[in-house]
Amino acid sequence: MKTVEIIGYKRANLGKTGSQKLRDEGLVPCVLYGGNEQIHFYSPMILFRELVYTNEAHFVHINIEGVEAQAIIQEVQFHPVSEVILHADFLRISEDRKIKMSIPVRLVGQAKGVAKGGTLVRKRAALKVYGFPKDMPDHIDVEVSDLDFHHAIKIGDMKMEGLEFLDPKQATIAAVEVPRAAKMAADEAAAAPAEGAPAAGAKKAEAPKKEEGKK
């Protein structure tokens, strides 16, 4: 897995006013957890571009005024409208301890159902995994070539050496669904009466009754 370097500076003012002032200056308030102490620091927002706005996972090498640590990004808070980074949490890691990470999913191949007019739907953009740092991939490839209509790939179908998948085994990663228009057409065709068959609810014509006394 690739590593992104984040250069930080220790924070003196930890209040909301101080945090907002940092954001106004293009800086991100951060916290490094793990180890003997929590370190509150800030870092230029531009350094987060390769780390956050990407479809791959990364390790982080943090340098806070000479204090260095290997870490992973644990949580990022975004502004709901502007998507500006409001805060970032990092977790210190070591090679001899297992970690939990969310690894982005990449769908690979052309699904059978798509060639027949279906739609390939990605249900999960990332998968939660547990393992040693050395076993963590940049992304997880999910082969979808065999997917047909109403078929799905679930967490329980996934296997990667050295990794344990933490999401529910029945959770769907990707599926091929029938487009709504095609489904409605099929339902209408199934509901329509066969040619020459009486419509539902129609009564059979009855033979005229003979009048009494007539042959």
C-alpha atoms as a PDB file:
ATOM      1  CA  MET A   1       0.000   0.000   0.000  1.00  0.00           C
ATOM      2  CA  LYS A   2       1.224   3.503  -0.817  1.00  0.00           C
ATOM      3  CA  THR A   3       2.099   6.005   1.892  1.00  0.00           C
ATOM      4  CA  VAL A   4       1.138   9.696   1.961  1.00  0.00           C
ATOM      5  CA  GLU A   5       3.121  12.154   4.058  1.00  0.00           C
ATOM      6  CA  ILE A   6       1.298  14.620   6.288  1.00  0.00           C
ATOM      7  CA  ILE A   7       3.295  17.419   7.887  1.00  0.00           C
ATOM      8  CA  GLY A   8       1.699  18.867  11.024  1.00  0.00           C
ATOM      9  CA  TYR A   9       2.142  21.496  13.692  1.00  0.00           C
ATOM     10  CA  LYS A  10       1.053  21.221  17.316  1.00  0.00           C
ATOM     11  CA  ARG A  11      -2.035  23.161  18.347  1.00  0.00           C
ATOM     12  CA  ALA A  12      -2.082  25.526  21.285  1.00  0.00           C
ATOM     13  CA  ASN A  13      -5.757  26.521  21.155  1.00  0.00           C
ATOM     14  CA  LEU A  14      -8.129  23.534  21.067  1.00  0.00           C
ATOM     15  CA  GLY A  15     -11.423  25.454  21.206  1.00  0.00           C
ATOM     16  CA  LYS A  16     -14.036  25.835  18.466  1.00  0.00           C
ATOM     17  CA  THR A  17     -12.904  29.361  17.702  1.00  0.00           C
ATOM     18  CA  GLY A  18      -9.348  28.202  17.156  1.00  0.00           C
ATOM     19  CA  SER A  19     -10.510  25.329  14.933  1.00  0.00           C
ATOM     20  CA  GLN A  20     -12.595  27.633  12.756  1.00  0.00           C
ATOM     21  CA  LYS A  21      -9.683  30.050  12.408  1.00  0.00           C
ATOM     22  CA  LEU A  22      -7.493  27.191  11.148  1.00  0.00           C
ATOM     23  CA  ARG A  23     -10.099  26.193   8.566  1.00  0.00           C
ATOM     24  CA  ASP A  24     -10.392  29.788   7.373  1.00  0.00           C
ATOM     25  CA  GLU A  25      -6.645  29.701   6.729  1.00  0.00           C
ATOM     26  CA  GLY A  26      -6.833  26.478   4.692  1.00  0.00           C
ATOM     27  CA  LEU A  27      -5.669  24.235   7.545  1.00  0.00           C
ATOM     28  CA  VAL A  28      -7.217  21.064   8.977  1.00  0.00           C
ATOM     29  CA  PRO A  29      -7.524  20.445  12.753  1.00  0.00           C
ATOM     30  CA  CYS A  30      -6.339  16.873  13.470  1.00  0.00           C
ATOM     31  CA  VAL A  31      -5.756  14.379  16.277  1.00  0.00           C
ATOM     32  CA  LEU A  32      -3.288  11.480  16.357  1.00  0.00           C
ATOM     33  CA  TYR A  33      -4.491   8.636  18.610  1.00  0.00           C
ATOM     34  CA  GLY A  34      -2.592   5.587  19.848  1.00  0.00           C
ATOM     35  CA  GLY A  35       0.648   5.286  21.734  1.00  0.00           C
ATOM     36  CA  ASN A  36       1.195   7.017  25.047  1.00  0.00           C
ATOM     37  CA  GLU A  37      -0.588  10.271  24.257  1.00  0.00           C
ATOM     38  CA  GLN A  38      -2.988  12.031  21.928  1.00  0.00           C
ATOM     39  CA  ILE A  39      -1.416  14.732  19.815  1.00  0.00           C
ATOM     40  CA  HIS A  40      -3.573  17.620  18.613  1.00  0.00           C
ATOM     41  CA  PHE A  41      -2.151  19.243  15.511  1.00  0.00           C
ATOM     42  CA  TYR A  42      -3.060  20.956  12.255  1.00  0.00           C
ATOM     43  CA  SER A  43      -1.932  20.433   8.693  1.00  0.00           C
ATOM     44  CA  PRO A  44      -2.372  22.194   5.307  1.00  0.00           C
ATOM     45  CA  MET A  45      -5.566  21.008   3.625  1.00  0.00           C
ATOM     46  CA  ILE A  46      -3.785  20.618   0.282  1.00  0.00           C
ATOM     47  CA  LEU A  47      -1.812  17.674   1.703  1.00  0.00           C
ATOM     48  CA  PHE A  48      -5.048  15.708   2.104  1.00  0.00           C
ATOM     49  CA  ARG A  49      -5.873  15.708  -1.605  1.00  0.00           C
ATOM     50  CA  GLU A  50      -4.089  12.436  -2.386  1.00  0.00           C
ATOM     51  CA  LEU A  51      -5.208  10.864   0.864  1.00  0.00           C
ATOM     52  CA  VAL A  52      -8.937  11.655   0.884  1.00  0.00           C
ATOM     53  CA  TYR A  53     -10.056  12.370  -2.682  1.00  0.00           C
ATOM     54  CA  THR A  54      -9.020   9.003  -4.086  1.00  0.00           C
ATOM     55  CA  ASN A  55     -10.372   5.514  -4.742  1.00  0.00           C
ATOM     56  CA  GLU A  56      -7.426   3.810  -3.038  1.00  0.00           C
ATOM     57  CA  ALA A  57      -6.436   3.280   0.589  1.00  0.00           C
ATOM     58  CA  HIS A  58      -3.174   4.689   1.954  1.00  0.00           C
ATOM     59  CA  PHE A  59      -0.932   4.551   4.966  1.00  0.00           C
ATOM     60  CA  VAL A  60       0.103   7.912   6.397  1.00  0.00           C
ATOM     61  CA  HIS A  61       3.535   9.025   7.523  1.00  0.00           C
ATOM     62  CA  ILE A  62       2.941  11.874   9.979  1.00  0.00           C
ATOM     63  CA  ASN A  63       5.645  14.335  10.962  1.00  0.00           C
ATOM     64  CA  ILE A  64       4.566  16.729  13.721  1.00  0.00           C
ATOM     65  CA  GLU A  65       7.456  19.054  14.424  1.00  0.00           C
ATOM     66  CA  GLY A  66       9.903  16.151  14.416  1.00  0.00           C
ATOM     67  CA  VAL A  67       7.598  13.602  16.074  1.00  0.00           C
ATOM     68  CA  GLU A  68       7.085  10.915  13.425  1.00  0.00           C
ATOM     69  CA  ALA A  69       4.528   8.129  13.306  1.00  0.00           C
ATOM     70  CA  GLN A  70       3.054   5.600  10.897  1.00  0.00           C
ATOM     71  CA  ALA A  71      -0.739   5.870  10.901  1.00  0.00           C
ATOM     72  CA  ILE A  72      -3.992   5.356   9.065  1.00  0.00           C
ATOM     73  CA  ILE A  73      -6.765   7.876   8.686  1.00  0.00           C
ATOM     74  CA  GLN A  74      -9.580   6.824  11.006  1.00  0.00           C
ATOM     75  CA  GLU A  75     -12.246   9.433  10.377  1.00  0.00           C
ATOM     76  CA  VAL A  76     -12.693  12.555   8.263  1.00  0.00           C
ATOM     77  CA  GLN A  77     -15.469  15.087   8.803  1.00  0.00           C
ATOM     78  CA  PHE A  78     -16.635  17.131   5.810  1.00  0.00           C
ATOM     79  CA  HIS A  79     -18.746  20.274   5.559  1.00  0.00           C
ATOM     80  CA  PRO A  80     -22.206  19.094   4.363  1.00  0.00           C
ATOM     81  CA  VAL A  81     -22.368  21.656   1.547  1.00  0.00           C
ATOM     82  CA  SER A  82     -18.860  22.710   0.528  1.00  0.00           C
ATOM     83  CA  GLU A  83     -17.242  19.313   1.340  1.00  0.00           C
ATOM     84  CA  VAL A  84     -14.328  21.164   2.918  1.00  0.00           C
ATOM     85  CA  ILE A  85     -12.489  18.977   5.444  1.00  0.00           C
ATOM     86  CA  LEU A  86     -13.501  20.040   8.962  1.00  0.00           C
ATOM     87  CA  HIS A  87     -11.490  17.586  11.040  1.00  0.00           C
ATOM     88  CA  ALA A  88      -9.368  14.453  10.671  1.00  0.00           C
ATOM     89  CA  ASP A  89      -8.505  11.672  13.117  1.00  0.00           C
ATOM     90  CA  PHE A  90      -5.442   9.446  12.664  1.00  0.00           C
ATOM     91  CA  LEU A  91      -4.577   6.170  14.403  1.00  0.00           C
ATOM     92  CA  ARG A  92      -0.959   5.213  15.057  1.00  0.00           C
ATOM     93  CA  ILE A  93      -0.094   1.713  13.760  1.00  0.00           C
ATOM     94  CA  SER A  94       2.739  -0.797  14.081  1.00  0.00           C
ATOM     95  CA  GLU A  95       3.715  -3.747  11.898  1.00  0.00           C
ATOM     96  CA  ASP A  96       3.131  -6.306  14.666  1.00  0.00           C
ATOM     97  CA  ARG A  97      -0.461  -5.308  15.471  1.00  0.00           C
ATOM     98  CA  LYS A  98      -3.568  -5.987  13.407  1.00  0.00           C
ATOM     99  CA  ILE A  99      -5.707  -3.040  12.335  1.00  0.00           C
ATOM    100  CA  LYS A 100      -9.162  -2.383  10.931  1.00  0.00           C
ATOM    101  CA  MET A 101      -9.423  -0.492   7.646  1.00  0.00           C
ATOM    102  CA  SER A 102     -12.030   0.366   5.022  1.00  0.00           C
ATOM    103  CA  ILE A 103     -10.622  -0.626   1.632  1.00  0.00           C
ATOM    104  CA  PRO A 104     -12.226   0.733  -1.572  1.00  0.00           C
ATOM    105  CA  VAL A 105     -13.889  -1.753  -3.940  1.00  0.00           C
ATOM    106  CA  ARG A 106     -13.140  -1.916  -7.659  1.00  0.00           C
ATOM    107  CA  LEU A 107     -15.545  -3.903  -9.865  1.00  0.00           C
ATOM    108  CA  VAL A 108     -13.725  -5.868 -12.559  1.00  0.00           C
ATOM    109  CA  GLY A 109     -15.154  -7.442 -15.729  1.00  0.00           C
ATOM    110  CA  GLN A 110     -18.333  -7.213 -17.814  1.00  0.00           C
ATOM    111  CA  ALA A 111     -21.331  -8.804 -16.102  1.00  0.00           C
ATOM    112  CA  LYS A 112     -23.431 -11.259 -18.162  1.00  0.00           C
ATOM    113  CA  GLY A 113     -26.637  -9.586 -17.079  1.00  0.00           C
ATOM    114  CA  VAL A 114     -25.455  -6.188 -18.318  1.00  0.00           C
ATOM    115  CA  ALA A 115     -24.983  -7.592 -21.834  1.00  0.00           C
ATOM    116  CA  LYS A 116     -28.660  -8.665 -21.668  1.00  0.00           C
ATOM    117  CA  GLY A 117     -29.865  -5.207 -20.698  1.00  0.00           C
ATOM    118  CA  GLY A 118     -29.478  -5.335 -16.927  1.00  0.00           C
ATOM    119  CA  THR A 119     -27.788  -2.775 -14.702  1.00  0.00           C
ATOM    120  CA  LEU A 120     -24.747  -3.485 -12.545  1.00  0.00           C
ATOM    121  CA  VAL A 121     -25.314  -1.868  -9.155  1.00  0.00           C
ATOM    122  CA  ARG A 122     -22.520  -1.316  -6.635  1.00  0.00           C
ATOM    123  CA  LYS A 123     -23.959  -1.728  -3.131  1.00  0.00           C
ATOM    124  CA  ARG A 124     -20.747  -1.045  -1.180  1.00  0.00           C
ATOM    125  CA  ALA A 125     -17.982   1.346  -2.137  1.00  0.00           C
ATOM    126  CA  ALA A 126     -15.591  -0.060   0.491  1.00  0.00           C
ATOM    127  CA  LEU A 127     -15.190  -3.162   2.631  1.00  0.00           C
ATOM    128  CA  LYS A 128     -14.122  -3.292   6.275  1.00  0.00           C
ATOM    129  CA  VAL A 129     -11.221  -5.676   6.816  1.00  0.00           C
ATOM    130  CA  TYR A 130      -8.998  -6.763   9.711  1.00  0.00           C
ATOM    131  CA  GLY A 131      -5.365  -7.798   9.374  1.00  0.00           C
ATOM    132  CA  PHE A 132      -1.711  -6.844   9.674  1.00  0.00           C
ATOM    133  CA  PRO A 133      -0.585  -3.676   7.865  1.00  0.00           C
ATOM    134  CA  LYS A 134       1.589  -5.694   5.472  1.00  0.00           C
ATOM    135  CA  ASP A 135      -1.500  -7.525   4.162  1.00  0.00           C
ATOM    136  CA  MET A 136      -3.585  -4.397   3.484  1.00  0.00           C
ATOM    137  CA  PRO A 137      -4.191  -3.750  -0.248  1.00  0.00           C
ATOM    138  CA  ASP A 138      -4.686  -0.398  -2.005  1.00  0.00           C
ATOM    139  CA  HIS A 139      -8.091  -1.626  -3.187  1.00  0.00           C
ATOM    140  CA  ILE A 140     -10.094  -4.845  -3.475  1.00  0.00           C
ATOM    141  CA  ASP A 141     -10.931  -6.184  -6.929  1.00  0.00           C
ATOM    142  CA  VAL A 142     -14.338  -7.870  -7.184  1.00  0.00           C
ATOM    143  CA  GLU A 143     -14.841  -9.994 -10.308  1.00  0.00           C
ATOM    144  CA  VAL A 144     -18.373  -9.535 -11.701  1.00  0.00           C
ATOM    145  CA  SER A 145     -18.146 -11.311 -15.087  1.00  0.00           C
ATOM    146  CA  ASP A 146     -20.404 -14.219 -14.018  1.00  0.00           C
ATOM    147  CA  LEU A 147     -23.176 -12.024 -12.609  1.00  0.00           C
ATOM    148  CA  ASP A 148     -26.524 -12.543 -14.346  1.00  0.00           C
ATOM    149  CA  PHE A 149     -29.999 -11.136 -13.648  1.00  0.00           C
ATOM    150  CA  HIS A 150     -30.881 -11.154  -9.945  1.00  0.00           C
ATOM    151  CA  HIS A 151     -27.454 -12.521  -9.037  1.00  0.00           C
ATOM    152  CA  ALA A 152     -25.235 -10.857  -6.442  1.00  0.00           C
ATOM    153  CA  ILE A 153     -21.774 -11.077  -4.906  1.00  0.00           C
ATOM    154  CA  LYS A 154     -21.884 -11.065  -1.123  1.00  0.00           C
ATOM    155  CA  ILE A 155     -19.315 -10.513   1.609  1.00  0.00           C
ATOM    156  CA  GLY A 156     -19.352 -14.247   2.314  1.00  0.00           C
ATOM    157  CA  ASP A 157     -18.084 -14.903  -1.233  1.00  0.00           C
ATOM    158  CA  MET A 158     -14.902 -12.893  -0.637  1.00  0.00           C
ATOM    159  CA  LYS A 159     -11.595 -14.454   0.385  1.00  0.00           C
ATOM    160  CA  MET A 160      -8.216 -12.750   0.634  1.00  0.00           C
ATOM    161  CA  GLU A 161      -5.175 -14.250   2.299  1.00  0.00           C
ATOM    162  CA  GLY A 162      -4.328 -12.586   5.589  1.00  0.00           C
ATOM    163  CA  LEU A 163      -7.558 -10.567   5.781  1.00  0.00           C
ATOM    164  CA  GLU A 164     -10.793 -11.050   7.694  1.00  0.00           C
ATOM    165  CA  PHE A 165     -13.899  -9.362   6.295  1.00  0.00           C
ATOM    166  CA  LEU A 166     -15.862  -7.623   9.040  1.00  0.00           C
ATOM    167  CA  ASP A 167     -19.093  -6.717   7.224  1.00  0.00           C
ATOM    168  CA  PRO A 168     -22.078  -9.132   7.539  1.00  0.00           C
ATOM    169  CA  LYS A 169     -21.581 -12.179   5.294  1.00  0.00           C
ATOM    170  CA  GLN A 170     -25.008 -11.734   3.681  1.00  0.00           C
ATOM    171  CA  ALA A 171     -24.335  -8.086   2.771  1.00  0.00           C
ATOM    172  CA  THR A 172     -24.284  -7.474  -0.991  1.00  0.00           C
ATOM    173  CA  ILE A 173     -21.281  -5.921  -2.706  1.00  0.00           C
ATOM    174  CA  ALA A 174     -22.639  -5.817  -6.262  1.00  0.00           C
ATOM    175  CA  ALA A 175     -25.693  -7.135  -8.113  1.00  0.00           C
ATOM    176  CA  VAL A 176     -27.270  -7.104 -11.572  1.00  0.00           C
ATOM    177  CA  GLU A 177     -30.770  -5.681 -11.519  1.00  0.00           C
ATOM    178  CA  VAL A 178     -33.439  -5.605 -14.212  1.00  0.00           C
ATOM    179  CA  PRO A 179     -34.221  -2.039 -15.357  1.00  0.00           C
ATOM    180  CA  ARG A 180     -37.616  -0.807 -14.151  1.00  0.00           C
ATOM    181  CA  ALA A 181     -38.971  -0.379 -17.692  1.00  0.00           C
ATOM    182  CA  ALA A 182     -38.037  -3.927 -18.637  1.00  0.00           C
ATOM    183  CA  LYS A 183     -39.518  -5.285 -15.421  1.00  0.00           C
ATOM    184  CA  MET A 184     -42.808  -3.449 -15.992  1.00  0.00           C
ATOM    185  CA  ALA A 185     -43.012  -4.771 -19.562  1.00  0.00           C
ATOM    186  CA  ALA A 186     -42.433  -8.327 -18.327  1.00  0.00           C
ATOM    187  CA  ASP A 187     -45.102  -7.948 -15.646  1.00  0.00           C
ATOM    188  CA  GLU A 188     -47.597  -6.605 -18.204  1.00  0.00           C
ATOM    189  CA  ALA A 189     -46.855  -9.467 -20.572  1.00  0.00           C
ATOM    190  CA  ALA A 190     -47.386 -12.002 -17.797  1.00  0.00           C
ATOM    191  CA  ALA A 191     -50.679 -10.398 -16.766  1.00  0.00           C
ATOM    192  CA  ALA A 192     -52.099 -10.166 -20.314  1.00  0.00           C
ATOM    193  CA  PRO A 193     -54.505 -13.047 -21.299  1.00  0.00           C
ATOM    194  CA  ALA A 194     -53.326 -15.510 -23.929  1.00  0.00           C
ATOM    195  CA  GLU A 195     -54.606 -14.933 -27.466  1.00  0.00           C
ATOM    196  CA  GLY A 196     -58.091 -16.397 -27.852  1.00  0.00           C
ATOM    197  CA  ALA A 197     -58.522 -16.947 -24.107  1.00  0.00           C
ATOM    198  CA  PRO A 198     -61.409 -15.232 -22.335  1.00  0.00           C
ATOM    199  CA  ALA A 199     -60.520 -12.194 -20.293  1.00  0.00           C
ATOM    200  CA  ALA A 200     -60.488 -12.607 -16.543  1.00  0.00           C
ATOM    201  CA  GLY A 201     -63.972 -12.405 -15.075  1.00  0.00           C
ATOM    202  CA  ALA A 202     -65.719 -13.038 -18.413  1.00  0.00           C
ATOM    203  CA  LYS A 203     -68.613 -15.559 -18.320  1.00  0.00           C
ATOM    204  CA  LYS A 204     -69.122 -18.309 -20.854  1.00  0.00           C
ATOM    205  CA  ALA A 205     -72.092 -17.822 -23.179  1.00  0.00           C
ATOM    206  CA  GLU A 206     -75.005 -19.988 -22.114  1.00  0.00           C
ATOM    207  CA  ALA A 207     -77.100 -21.990 -24.611  1.00  0.00           C
ATOM    208  CA  PRO A 208     -80.643 -20.609 -25.029  1.00  0.00           C
ATOM    209  CA  LYS A 209     -83.206 -22.446 -22.921  1.00  0.00           C
ATOM    210  CA  LYS A 210     -86.013 -24.283 -24.736  1.00  0.00           C
ATOM    211  CA  GLU A 211     -89.503 -22.952 -24.081  1.00  0.00           C
ATOM    212  CA  GLU A 212     -91.754 -25.356 -22.225  1.00  0.00           C
ATOM    213  CA  GLY A 213     -93.994 -27.356 -24.540  1.00  0.00           C
ATOM    214  CA  LYS A 214     -91.810 -26.833 -27.618  1.00  0.00           C
ATOM    215  CA  LYS A 215     -89.689 -29.513 -29.100  1.00  0.00           C
END
